[in-house]
């Protein structure tokens, strides 16, 4: 996009959600780079914690 002398161009920068990924720079609005990866990480963490709690409850219930 050409910018005339003396004119301003509004840019927006979004830092990446995952370290070592590139950020997003351009005309607003910009999407968050790595947001899908963060959803996967948080989802797997939640499932793992839920599984640990369920297994602990089952182990406690089956103990004599």
N, C-alpha and C. Protein backbone atom coordinates (compact mmCIF):
# COMPACT_ATOMS: atom_id res chain seq x y z
N UNK A 1 0.85 -1.16 0.00
CA UNK A 1 0.00 0.00 0.00
C UNK A 1 0.90 1.24 0.00
N UNK A 2 0.87 2.03 -1.04
CA UNK A 2 1.72 3.22 -1.09
C UNK A 2 1.23 4.29 -0.12
N UNK A 3 2.16 4.95 0.52
CA UNK A 3 1.84 6.02 1.47
C UNK A 3 2.46 7.31 0.95
N UNK A 4 1.68 8.33 0.86
CA UNK A 4 2.14 9.61 0.36
C UNK A 4 3.04 10.28 1.40
N UNK A 5 3.98 11.13 0.96
CA UNK A 5 4.84 11.83 1.90
C UNK A 5 4.02 12.67 2.88
N UNK A 6 4.35 12.54 4.17
CA UNK A 6 3.65 13.28 5.22
C UNK A 6 2.40 12.57 5.73
N UNK A 7 1.97 11.51 5.06
CA UNK A 7 0.78 10.77 5.51
C UNK A 7 1.19 9.73 6.54
N UNK A 8 0.22 9.27 7.29
CA UNK A 8 0.47 8.26 8.31
C UNK A 8 -0.28 6.98 7.95
N UNK A 9 0.33 5.88 8.31
CA UNK A 9 -0.29 4.58 8.10
C UNK A 9 -0.40 3.91 9.47
N UNK A 10 -1.59 3.55 9.86
CA UNK A 10 -1.80 2.90 11.15
C UNK A 10 -1.50 1.41 11.03
N UNK A 11 -0.62 0.93 11.89
CA UNK A 11 -0.26 -0.48 11.92
C UNK A 11 -0.59 -1.06 13.28
N UNK A 12 -0.80 -2.36 13.29
CA UNK A 12 -1.06 -3.07 14.55
C UNK A 12 -0.12 -4.27 14.61
N UNK A 13 0.48 -4.47 15.77
CA UNK A 13 1.36 -5.62 15.96
C UNK A 13 0.74 -6.53 17.00
N UNK A 14 0.70 -7.81 16.71
CA UNK A 14 0.25 -8.82 17.67
C UNK A 14 1.41 -9.76 17.94
N UNK A 15 1.78 -9.85 19.21
CA UNK A 15 2.85 -10.76 19.60
C UNK A 15 2.33 -12.19 19.48
N UNK A 16 3.22 -13.13 19.22
CA UNK A 16 2.78 -14.52 19.08
C UNK A 16 2.37 -15.12 20.42
N UNK A 17 1.44 -16.05 20.39
CA UNK A 17 1.00 -16.73 21.61
C UNK A 17 1.97 -17.82 22.02
N UNK A 18 2.80 -18.29 21.11
CA UNK A 18 3.78 -19.32 21.38
C UNK A 18 5.16 -18.72 21.13
N UNK A 19 6.07 -18.96 22.06
CA UNK A 19 7.42 -18.42 21.92
C UNK A 19 8.08 -18.93 20.64
N UNK A 20 8.91 -18.13 20.06
CA UNK A 20 9.71 -18.45 18.87
C UNK A 20 8.88 -18.50 17.59
N UNK A 21 7.63 -18.05 17.61
CA UNK A 21 6.85 -17.89 16.39
C UNK A 21 6.94 -16.43 15.98
N UNK A 22 6.65 -16.17 14.74
CA UNK A 22 6.65 -14.79 14.27
C UNK A 22 5.39 -14.06 14.69
N UNK A 23 5.49 -12.76 14.89
CA UNK A 23 4.34 -11.95 15.22
C UNK A 23 3.60 -11.54 13.95
N UNK A 24 2.54 -10.75 14.13
CA UNK A 24 1.75 -10.27 13.00
C UNK A 24 1.79 -8.74 13.00
N UNK A 25 2.20 -8.16 11.89
CA UNK A 25 2.28 -6.72 11.73
C UNK A 25 1.56 -6.34 10.45
N UNK A 26 0.63 -5.40 10.57
CA UNK A 26 -0.08 -4.96 9.39
C UNK A 26 -1.24 -4.06 9.77
N UNK A 27 -2.12 -3.84 8.81
CA UNK A 27 -3.29 -3.01 9.04
C UNK A 27 -4.22 -3.71 10.03
N UNK A 28 -4.81 -2.96 10.96
CA UNK A 28 -5.70 -3.59 11.94
C UNK A 28 -6.97 -4.11 11.28
N UNK A 29 -7.60 -5.11 11.81
CA UNK A 29 -7.20 -5.92 12.97
C UNK A 29 -6.30 -7.08 12.55
N UNK A 30 -5.39 -7.44 13.41
CA UNK A 30 -4.49 -8.56 13.19
C UNK A 30 -4.92 -9.73 14.05
N UNK A 31 -4.75 -10.94 13.54
CA UNK A 31 -5.06 -12.14 14.33
C UNK A 31 -3.86 -12.49 15.20
N UNK A 32 -4.11 -13.22 16.28
CA UNK A 32 -3.04 -13.67 17.18
C UNK A 32 -2.34 -14.88 16.56
N UNK A 33 -1.07 -14.79 16.21
CA UNK A 33 -0.36 -15.95 15.69
C UNK A 33 -0.20 -17.02 16.78
N UNK A 34 -0.49 -18.26 16.45
CA UNK A 34 -0.32 -19.36 17.39
C UNK A 34 -1.50 -19.60 18.31
N UNK A 35 -2.63 -18.97 18.07
CA UNK A 35 -3.78 -19.14 18.97
C UNK A 35 -4.32 -20.57 18.91
N UNK A 36 -4.28 -21.20 17.75
CA UNK A 36 -4.76 -22.59 17.64
C UNK A 36 -3.87 -23.52 18.44
N UNK A 37 -2.56 -23.30 18.41
CA UNK A 37 -1.64 -24.12 19.20
C UNK A 37 -1.90 -23.96 20.69
N UNK A 38 -2.22 -22.76 21.12
CA UNK A 38 -2.51 -22.55 22.54
C UNK A 38 -3.81 -23.24 22.95
N UNK A 39 -4.81 -23.22 22.08
CA UNK A 39 -6.05 -23.94 22.39
C UNK A 39 -5.78 -25.43 22.54
N UNK A 40 -4.94 -25.98 21.69
CA UNK A 40 -4.60 -27.41 21.78
C UNK A 40 -3.86 -27.69 23.09
N UNK A 41 -2.89 -26.86 23.43
CA UNK A 41 -2.12 -27.07 24.67
C UNK A 41 -3.02 -26.98 25.89
N UNK A 42 -3.87 -25.95 25.95
CA UNK A 42 -4.77 -25.81 27.10
C UNK A 42 -5.79 -26.94 27.15
N UNK A 43 -6.28 -27.39 25.99
CA UNK A 43 -7.23 -28.50 25.96
C UNK A 43 -6.61 -29.79 26.46
N UNK A 44 -5.41 -30.08 26.00
CA UNK A 44 -4.73 -31.30 26.46
C UNK A 44 -4.42 -31.24 27.95
N UNK A 45 -4.03 -30.07 28.43
CA UNK A 45 -3.76 -29.90 29.86
C UNK A 45 -5.02 -30.15 30.68
N UNK A 46 -6.15 -29.60 30.23
CA UNK A 46 -7.41 -29.80 30.95
C UNK A 46 -7.82 -31.27 30.96
N UNK A 47 -7.69 -31.94 29.83
CA UNK A 47 -8.04 -33.37 29.75
C UNK A 47 -7.13 -34.19 30.65
N UNK A 48 -5.84 -33.89 30.67
CA UNK A 48 -4.90 -34.62 31.52
C UNK A 48 -5.21 -34.41 33.00
N UNK A 49 -5.49 -33.19 33.40
CA UNK A 49 -5.84 -32.93 34.80
C UNK A 49 -7.15 -33.62 35.19
N UNK A 50 -8.13 -33.60 34.30
CA UNK A 50 -9.39 -34.28 34.58
C UNK A 50 -9.17 -35.78 34.72
N UNK A 51 -8.34 -36.35 33.88
CA UNK A 51 -8.04 -37.78 33.96
C UNK A 51 -7.34 -38.12 35.28
N UNK A 52 -6.42 -37.29 35.72
CA UNK A 52 -5.72 -37.52 36.99
C UNK A 52 -6.71 -37.49 38.15
N UNK A 53 -7.62 -36.52 38.14
CA UNK A 53 -8.61 -36.43 39.22
C UNK A 53 -9.53 -37.65 39.20
N UNK A 54 -9.99 -38.05 38.04
CA UNK A 54 -10.88 -39.21 37.94
C UNK A 54 -10.17 -40.47 38.43
N UNK A 55 -8.92 -40.67 38.01
CA UNK A 55 -8.18 -41.85 38.45
C UNK A 55 -7.92 -41.82 39.96
N UNK A 56 -7.68 -40.65 40.53
CA UNK A 56 -7.49 -40.55 41.98
C UNK A 56 -8.76 -40.89 42.73
N UNK A 57 -9.89 -40.45 42.23
CA UNK A 57 -11.18 -40.75 42.88
C UNK A 57 -11.47 -42.25 42.78
N UNK A 58 -11.23 -42.84 41.64
CA UNK A 58 -11.47 -44.28 41.46
C UNK A 58 -10.54 -45.08 42.35
N UNK A 59 -9.28 -44.67 42.45
CA UNK A 59 -8.33 -45.39 43.29
C UNK A 59 -8.70 -45.27 44.76
N UNK A 60 -9.17 -44.10 45.18
CA UNK A 60 -9.57 -43.92 46.57
C UNK A 60 -10.84 -44.71 46.88
N UNK A 61 -11.75 -44.80 45.94
CA UNK A 61 -13.00 -45.54 46.17
C UNK A 61 -12.78 -47.05 46.21
N UNK A 62 -11.78 -47.52 45.50
CA UNK A 62 -11.57 -48.97 45.45
C UNK A 62 -10.61 -49.46 46.54
N UNK A 63 -10.02 -48.53 47.29
CA UNK A 63 -9.11 -48.95 48.37
C UNK A 63 -9.94 -49.48 49.55
N UNK A 64 -9.42 -50.52 50.21
CA UNK A 64 -10.19 -51.10 51.33
C UNK A 64 -10.20 -50.24 52.56
